[in-house]
Amino acid sequence: MKDLFVKRFEYYKSLGDKTFSQLSDEQIFWQYNEESNSIAVIVKHVAGNMLSRWTNFLTEDGEKSWRHRDEEFVSAFKTKAEVIEYWEKGWACFFNALDQINDENLYTIIQIRGESHPVIDAVFRQLAHYPYHIGQIIYIAKMIKNNDWNTLSIARNKSQEFNNEMKNKFSGEEPDSNSSPVCFQNSPEVRDEYKQ
């Protein structure tokens, strides 16, 4: 189970990484309007959530007293490098926590804001939460880059070609029920663009 979690989250992290690589310092801080978050602010929130939720997650409440969630929506970063450094710090904390999950503690009850959750449910919460924000990051980047955006999935008007390629590739093979060529960057079935 732990390996499945890691693969899923590695994929979503890679989408963020590939998005950042297409953006300049200035673009990381761009906001559509005053009510919208920049990519830098979204990263601050996601990494802040990770650090709070997953530091000592088996023994401490996931909403730490030192977390100031409201401040996560005010950018304090000055450079793209600082944004990415914080992104990496959050993910390192999260992947370290995932590495601690095993068959014995998968259903152990942990607390998030005083609410009880089995460990597996806490992971599922984040499997919804982090991709939600990574989707926002990608959407903002696509608005900024427009025609210069390098797609992270199946290119526009190329779905049928991709479907045919996948059918040819896997015809006669027994599918692995736990793999997806789109979602698992480390699987042998992964598309070529995710191997780069």
C-alpha atoms as a PDB file:
ATOM      1  CA  MET A   1       0.000   0.000   0.000  1.00  0.00           C
ATOM      2  CA  LYS A   2       2.792   2.417   0.937  1.00  0.00           C
ATOM      3  CA  ASP A   3       4.443   1.947  -2.466  1.00  0.00           C
ATOM      4  CA  LEU A   4       1.153   2.731  -4.185  1.00  0.00           C
ATOM      5  CA  PHE A   5       0.789   5.954  -2.189  1.00  0.00           C
ATOM      6  CA  VAL A   6       4.354   6.980  -2.985  1.00  0.00           C
ATOM      7  CA  LYS A   7       3.882   6.374  -6.715  1.00  0.00           C
ATOM      8  CA  ARG A   8       0.696   8.415  -6.826  1.00  0.00           C
ATOM      9  CA  PHE A   9       2.159  11.343  -4.950  1.00  0.00           C
ATOM     10  CA  GLU A  10       5.432  11.240  -6.898  1.00  0.00           C
ATOM     11  CA  TYR A  11       3.391  11.646 -10.047  1.00  0.00           C
ATOM     12  CA  TYR A  12       1.557  14.721  -8.749  1.00  0.00           C
ATOM     13  CA  LYS A  13       4.775  16.239  -7.443  1.00  0.00           C
ATOM     14  CA  SER A  14       6.321  15.730 -10.881  1.00  0.00           C
ATOM     15  CA  LEU A  15       3.508  17.766 -12.447  1.00  0.00           C
ATOM     16  CA  GLY A  16       4.383  20.644 -10.160  1.00  0.00           C
ATOM     17  CA  ASP A  17       8.104  20.237 -10.872  1.00  0.00           C
ATOM     18  CA  LYS A  18       7.540  20.238 -14.629  1.00  0.00           C
ATOM     19  CA  THR A  19       5.350  23.303 -14.314  1.00  0.00           C
ATOM     20  CA  PHE A  20       7.942  25.261 -12.331  1.00  0.00           C
ATOM     21  CA  SER A  21      10.587  24.435 -14.923  1.00  0.00           C
ATOM     22  CA  GLN A  22       8.555  26.345 -17.529  1.00  0.00           C
ATOM     23  CA  LEU A  23       8.175  29.513 -15.443  1.00  0.00           C
ATOM     24  CA  SER A  24      10.354  32.506 -14.695  1.00  0.00           C
ATOM     25  CA  ASP A  25      10.781  34.129 -11.287  1.00  0.00           C
ATOM     26  CA  GLU A  26       8.275  36.799 -12.252  1.00  0.00           C
ATOM     27  CA  GLN A  27       5.705  34.259 -13.462  1.00  0.00           C
ATOM     28  CA  ILE A  28       5.812  32.292 -10.184  1.00  0.00           C
ATOM     29  CA  PHE A  29       4.476  35.427  -8.454  1.00  0.00           C
ATOM     30  CA  TRP A  30       1.860  36.426 -11.051  1.00  0.00           C
ATOM     31  CA  GLN A  31      -1.735  36.867  -9.828  1.00  0.00           C
ATOM     32  CA  TYR A  32      -4.789  37.093 -12.043  1.00  0.00           C
ATOM     33  CA  ASN A  33      -6.368  39.563  -9.596  1.00  0.00           C
ATOM     34  CA  GLU A  34      -6.179  40.541  -5.926  1.00  0.00           C
ATOM     35  CA  GLU A  35      -8.472  37.709  -4.848  1.00  0.00           C
ATOM     36  CA  SER A  36      -6.462  35.078  -6.709  1.00  0.00           C
ATOM     37  CA  ASN A  37      -3.429  33.250  -5.389  1.00  0.00           C
ATOM     38  CA  SER A  38      -0.113  33.245  -7.165  1.00  0.00           C
ATOM     39  CA  ILE A  39       1.706  29.957  -7.685  1.00  0.00           C
ATOM     40  CA  ALA A  40       4.117  31.036  -4.938  1.00  0.00           C
ATOM     41  CA  VAL A  41       1.235  31.414  -2.477  1.00  0.00           C
ATOM     42  CA  ILE A  42      -0.264  28.047  -3.419  1.00  0.00           C
ATOM     43  CA  VAL A  43       3.120  26.408  -2.852  1.00  0.00           C
ATOM     44  CA  LYS A  44       3.400  28.135   0.531  1.00  0.00           C
ATOM     45  CA  HIS A  45       0.019  26.715   1.525  1.00  0.00           C
ATOM     46  CA  VAL A  46       0.632  23.185   0.227  1.00  0.00           C
ATOM     47  CA  ALA A  47       4.070  22.877   1.820  1.00  0.00           C
ATOM     48  CA  GLY A  48       2.814  24.481   5.033  1.00  0.00           C
ATOM     49  CA  ASN A  49       0.036  21.902   5.164  1.00  0.00           C
ATOM     50  CA  MET A  50       2.510  19.076   4.569  1.00  0.00           C
ATOM     51  CA  LEU A  51       4.853  20.228   7.310  1.00  0.00           C
ATOM     52  CA  SER A  52       2.006  20.545   9.796  1.00  0.00           C
ATOM     53  CA  ARG A  53       0.140  17.378   8.911  1.00  0.00           C
ATOM     54  CA  TRP A  54       3.093  15.028   8.564  1.00  0.00           C
ATOM     55  CA  THR A  55       5.652  16.113  11.171  1.00  0.00           C
ATOM     56  CA  ASN A  56       5.381  13.488  13.955  1.00  0.00           C
ATOM     57  CA  PHE A  57       2.040  12.493  12.429  1.00  0.00           C
ATOM     58  CA  LEU A  58       1.685   9.316  14.501  1.00  0.00           C
ATOM     59  CA  THR A  59       2.073  11.088  17.849  1.00  0.00           C
ATOM     60  CA  GLU A  60       0.968  14.716  17.351  1.00  0.00           C
ATOM     61  CA  ASP A  61      -2.136  16.412  15.998  1.00  0.00           C
ATOM     62  CA  GLY A  62      -1.770  17.289  12.315  1.00  0.00           C
ATOM     63  CA  GLU A  63      -2.701  20.914  12.936  1.00  0.00           C
ATOM     64  CA  LYS A  64       0.407  22.095  14.770  1.00  0.00           C
ATOM     65  CA  SER A  65       0.365  25.038  17.156  1.00  0.00           C
ATOM     66  CA  TRP A  66       3.253  26.565  15.175  1.00  0.00           C
ATOM     67  CA  ARG A  67       1.304  26.519  11.908  1.00  0.00           C
ATOM     68  CA  HIS A  68      -0.278  29.824  10.931  1.00  0.00           C
ATOM     69  CA  ARG A  69      -2.496  28.832   8.016  1.00  0.00           C
ATOM     70  CA  ASP A  70      -3.762  32.326   7.261  1.00  0.00           C
ATOM     71  CA  GLU A  71      -0.189  33.524   6.758  1.00  0.00           C
ATOM     72  CA  GLU A  72       0.305  30.861   4.091  1.00  0.00           C
ATOM     73  CA  PHE A  73      -1.846  32.995   1.795  1.00  0.00           C
ATOM     74  CA  VAL A  74       0.517  35.952   1.997  1.00  0.00           C
ATOM     75  CA  SER A  75       3.634  35.556  -0.104  1.00  0.00           C
ATOM     76  CA  ALA A  76       6.893  36.013   1.787  1.00  0.00           C
ATOM     77  CA  PHE A  77       9.131  34.586  -0.913  1.00  0.00           C
ATOM     78  CA  LYS A  78      11.416  36.790  -2.975  1.00  0.00           C
ATOM     79  CA  THR A  79      12.628  34.357  -5.649  1.00  0.00           C
ATOM     80  CA  LYS A  80      11.542  31.272  -7.540  1.00  0.00           C
ATOM     81  CA  ALA A  81      14.410  29.384  -5.857  1.00  0.00           C
ATOM     82  CA  GLU A  82      12.902  30.110  -2.431  1.00  0.00           C
ATOM     83  CA  VAL A  83       9.503  28.861  -3.598  1.00  0.00           C
ATOM     84  CA  ILE A  84      10.964  25.617  -4.915  1.00  0.00           C
ATOM     85  CA  GLU A  85      13.081  25.125  -1.788  1.00  0.00           C
ATOM     86  CA  TYR A  86       9.942  25.317   0.377  1.00  0.00           C
ATOM     87  CA  TRP A  87       8.056  23.024  -2.030  1.00  0.00           C
ATOM     88  CA  GLU A  88      10.852  20.452  -1.681  1.00  0.00           C
ATOM     89  CA  LYS A  89      10.895  20.819   2.119  1.00  0.00           C
ATOM     90  CA  GLY A  90       7.184  20.059   2.313  1.00  0.00           C
ATOM     91  CA  TRP A  91       7.429  17.047   0.031  1.00  0.00           C
ATOM     92  CA  ALA A  92      10.468  15.686   1.905  1.00  0.00           C
ATOM     93  CA  CYS A  93       8.467  15.796   5.143  1.00  0.00           C
ATOM     94  CA  PHE A  94       5.495  14.120   3.492  1.00  0.00           C
ATOM     95  CA  PHE A  95       7.493  11.352   1.795  1.00  0.00           C
ATOM     96  CA  ASN A  96       9.330  10.707   5.067  1.00  0.00           C
ATOM     97  CA  ALA A  97       5.952  10.232   6.730  1.00  0.00           C
ATOM     98  CA  LEU A  98       4.729   7.920   3.977  1.00  0.00           C
ATOM     99  CA  ASP A  99       7.871   5.845   4.487  1.00  0.00           C
ATOM    100  CA  GLN A 100       6.800   5.257   8.095  1.00  0.00           C
ATOM    101  CA  ILE A 101       3.456   3.735   7.098  1.00  0.00           C
ATOM    102  CA  ASN A 102       3.244  -0.046   7.306  1.00  0.00           C
ATOM    103  CA  ASP A 103       0.633  -2.779   7.664  1.00  0.00           C
ATOM    104  CA  GLU A 104       0.658  -2.409  11.453  1.00  0.00           C
ATOM    105  CA  ASN A 105      -0.114   1.320  11.581  1.00  0.00           C
ATOM    106  CA  LEU A 106      -2.185   1.798   8.420  1.00  0.00           C
ATOM    107  CA  TYR A 107      -5.385   1.912  10.483  1.00  0.00           C
ATOM    108  CA  THR A 108      -3.903   3.560  13.549  1.00  0.00           C
ATOM    109  CA  ILE A 109      -6.005   6.519  14.638  1.00  0.00           C
ATOM    110  CA  ILE A 110      -4.323   9.916  14.352  1.00  0.00           C
ATOM    111  CA  GLN A 111      -5.695  13.402  14.982  1.00  0.00           C
ATOM    112  CA  ILE A 112      -6.201  16.350  12.648  1.00  0.00           C
ATOM    113  CA  ARG A 113      -7.625  19.382  14.503  1.00  0.00           C
ATOM    114  CA  GLY A 114      -8.797  16.967  17.178  1.00  0.00           C
ATOM    115  CA  GLU A 115     -10.735  14.829  14.690  1.00  0.00           C
ATOM    116  CA  SER A 116      -9.831  11.136  14.580  1.00  0.00           C
ATOM    117  CA  HIS A 117      -8.702   9.606  11.301  1.00  0.00           C
ATOM    118  CA  PRO A 118      -7.166   6.262  10.439  1.00  0.00           C
ATOM    119  CA  VAL A 119      -3.749   6.873   8.850  1.00  0.00           C
ATOM    120  CA  ILE A 120      -5.061   5.592   5.504  1.00  0.00           C
ATOM    121  CA  ASP A 121      -7.872   8.162   5.550  1.00  0.00           C
ATOM    122  CA  ALA A 122      -5.426  10.966   6.353  1.00  0.00           C
ATOM    123  CA  VAL A 123      -3.451   9.950   3.261  1.00  0.00           C
ATOM    124  CA  PHE A 124      -6.626   9.841   1.149  1.00  0.00           C
ATOM    125  CA  ARG A 125      -7.494  13.362   2.344  1.00  0.00           C
ATOM    126  CA  GLN A 126      -4.189  14.591   0.972  1.00  0.00           C
ATOM    127  CA  LEU A 127      -4.600  12.612  -2.243  1.00  0.00           C
ATOM    128  CA  ALA A 128      -7.574  14.888  -2.857  1.00  0.00           C
ATOM    129  CA  HIS A 129      -6.064  18.066  -1.379  1.00  0.00           C
ATOM    130  CA  TYR A 130      -2.607  18.214  -2.982  1.00  0.00           C
ATOM    131  CA  PRO A 131      -3.673  17.404  -6.577  1.00  0.00           C
ATOM    132  CA  TYR A 132      -6.448  20.006  -6.212  1.00  0.00           C
ATOM    133  CA  HIS A 133      -3.833  22.690  -5.621  1.00  0.00           C
ATOM    134  CA  ILE A 134      -1.381  21.283  -8.148  1.00  0.00           C
ATOM    135  CA  GLY A 135      -4.178  21.559 -10.704  1.00  0.00           C
ATOM    136  CA  GLN A 136      -4.496  25.237  -9.774  1.00  0.00           C
ATOM    137  CA  ILE A 137      -0.743  25.686 -10.247  1.00  0.00           C
ATOM    138  CA  ILE A 138      -0.928  24.115 -13.702  1.00  0.00           C
ATOM    139  CA  TYR A 139      -3.972  26.153 -14.686  1.00  0.00           C
ATOM    140  CA  ILE A 140      -2.292  29.415 -13.695  1.00  0.00           C
ATOM    141  CA  ALA A 141       0.856  28.430 -15.558  1.00  0.00           C
ATOM    142  CA  LYS A 142      -1.142  27.617 -18.680  1.00  0.00           C
ATOM    143  CA  MET A 143      -2.784  31.050 -18.537  1.00  0.00           C
ATOM    144  CA  ILE A 144       0.628  32.684 -18.240  1.00  0.00           C
ATOM    145  CA  LYS A 145       2.392  30.638 -20.909  1.00  0.00           C
ATOM    146  CA  ASN A 146      -0.505  30.342 -23.371  1.00  0.00           C
ATOM    147  CA  ASN A 147       0.951  29.094 -26.679  1.00  0.00           C
ATOM    148  CA  ASP A 148       4.366  28.553 -25.066  1.00  0.00           C
ATOM    149  CA  TRP A 149       2.990  25.994 -22.606  1.00  0.00           C
ATOM    150  CA  ASN A 150       4.446  22.486 -22.927  1.00  0.00           C
ATOM    151  CA  THR A 151       1.660  20.076 -22.096  1.00  0.00           C
ATOM    152  CA  LEU A 152       2.066  17.646 -19.203  1.00  0.00           C
ATOM    153  CA  SER A 153      -0.497  15.183 -20.492  1.00  0.00           C
ATOM    154  CA  ILE A 154      -1.987  14.138 -23.825  1.00  0.00           C
ATOM    155  CA  ALA A 155      -1.558  16.972 -26.297  1.00  0.00           C
ATOM    156  CA  ARG A 156      -4.658  18.715 -27.616  1.00  0.00           C
ATOM    157  CA  ASN A 157      -6.241  16.915 -30.575  1.00  0.00           C
ATOM    158  CA  LYS A 158      -3.955  13.928 -30.005  1.00  0.00           C
ATOM    159  CA  SER A 159      -6.246  11.753 -27.874  1.00  0.00           C
ATOM    160  CA  GLN A 160      -7.073   9.245 -30.598  1.00  0.00           C
ATOM    161  CA  GLU A 161      -3.430   8.852 -31.547  1.00  0.00           C
ATOM    162  CA  PHE A 162      -2.553   8.263 -27.915  1.00  0.00           C
ATOM    163  CA  ASN A 163      -5.397   5.755 -27.440  1.00  0.00           C
ATOM    164  CA  ASN A 164      -4.290   3.831 -30.518  1.00  0.00           C
ATOM    165  CA  GLU A 165      -0.697   3.834 -29.337  1.00  0.00           C
ATOM    166  CA  MET A 166      -1.716   2.484 -25.937  1.00  0.00           C
ATOM    167  CA  LYS A 167      -3.936  -0.218 -27.431  1.00  0.00           C
ATOM    168  CA  ASN A 168      -1.131  -1.365 -29.701  1.00  0.00           C
ATOM    169  CA  LYS A 169       1.366  -1.294 -26.884  1.00  0.00           C
ATOM    170  CA  PHE A 170      -0.742  -3.369 -24.507  1.00  0.00           C
ATOM    171  CA  SER A 171      -2.633  -5.666 -26.891  1.00  0.00           C
ATOM    172  CA  GLY A 172      -2.319  -9.216 -25.705  1.00  0.00           C
ATOM    173  CA  GLU A 173      -0.803  -8.221 -22.371  1.00  0.00           C
ATOM    174  CA  GLU A 174      -2.450  -8.761 -19.028  1.00  0.00           C
ATOM    175  CA  PRO A 175      -3.064  -5.269 -17.570  1.00  0.00           C
ATOM    176  CA  ASP A 176      -1.731  -4.478 -14.127  1.00  0.00           C
ATOM    177  CA  SER A 177      -4.773  -3.440 -12.110  1.00  0.00           C
ATOM    178  CA  ASN A 178      -2.672  -1.069 -10.035  1.00  0.00           C
ATOM    179  CA  SER A 179      -0.996   0.847 -12.829  1.00  0.00           C
ATOM    180  CA  SER A 180      -1.855   3.684 -15.114  1.00  0.00           C
ATOM    181  CA  PRO A 181       0.416   4.956 -17.876  1.00  0.00           C
ATOM    182  CA  VAL A 182      -0.822   8.460 -17.254  1.00  0.00           C
ATOM    183  CA  CYS A 183      -0.553   8.489 -13.475  1.00  0.00           C
ATOM    184  CA  PHE A 184       2.415   6.303 -12.577  1.00  0.00           C
ATOM    185  CA  GLN A 185       5.634   7.992 -13.569  1.00  0.00           C
ATOM    186  CA  ASN A 186       7.791   5.077 -12.389  1.00  0.00           C
ATOM    187  CA  SER A 187       5.816   2.247 -13.977  1.00  0.00           C
ATOM    188  CA  PRO A 188       7.203   0.491 -17.056  1.00  0.00           C
ATOM    189  CA  GLU A 189       3.989   1.424 -18.857  1.00  0.00           C
ATOM    190  CA  VAL A 190       4.586   5.143 -18.463  1.00  0.00           C
ATOM    191  CA  ARG A 191       4.538   7.317 -21.548  1.00  0.00           C
ATOM    192  CA  ASP A 192       7.819   8.544 -22.944  1.00  0.00           C
ATOM    193  CA  GLU A 193       7.295  12.170 -21.935  1.00  0.00           C
ATOM    194  CA  TYR A 194       7.251  11.176 -18.257  1.00  0.00           C
ATOM    195  CA  LYS A 195      10.616   9.417 -18.541  1.00  0.00           C
ATOM    196  CA  GLN A 196      12.444  12.657 -19.252  1.00  0.00           C
END
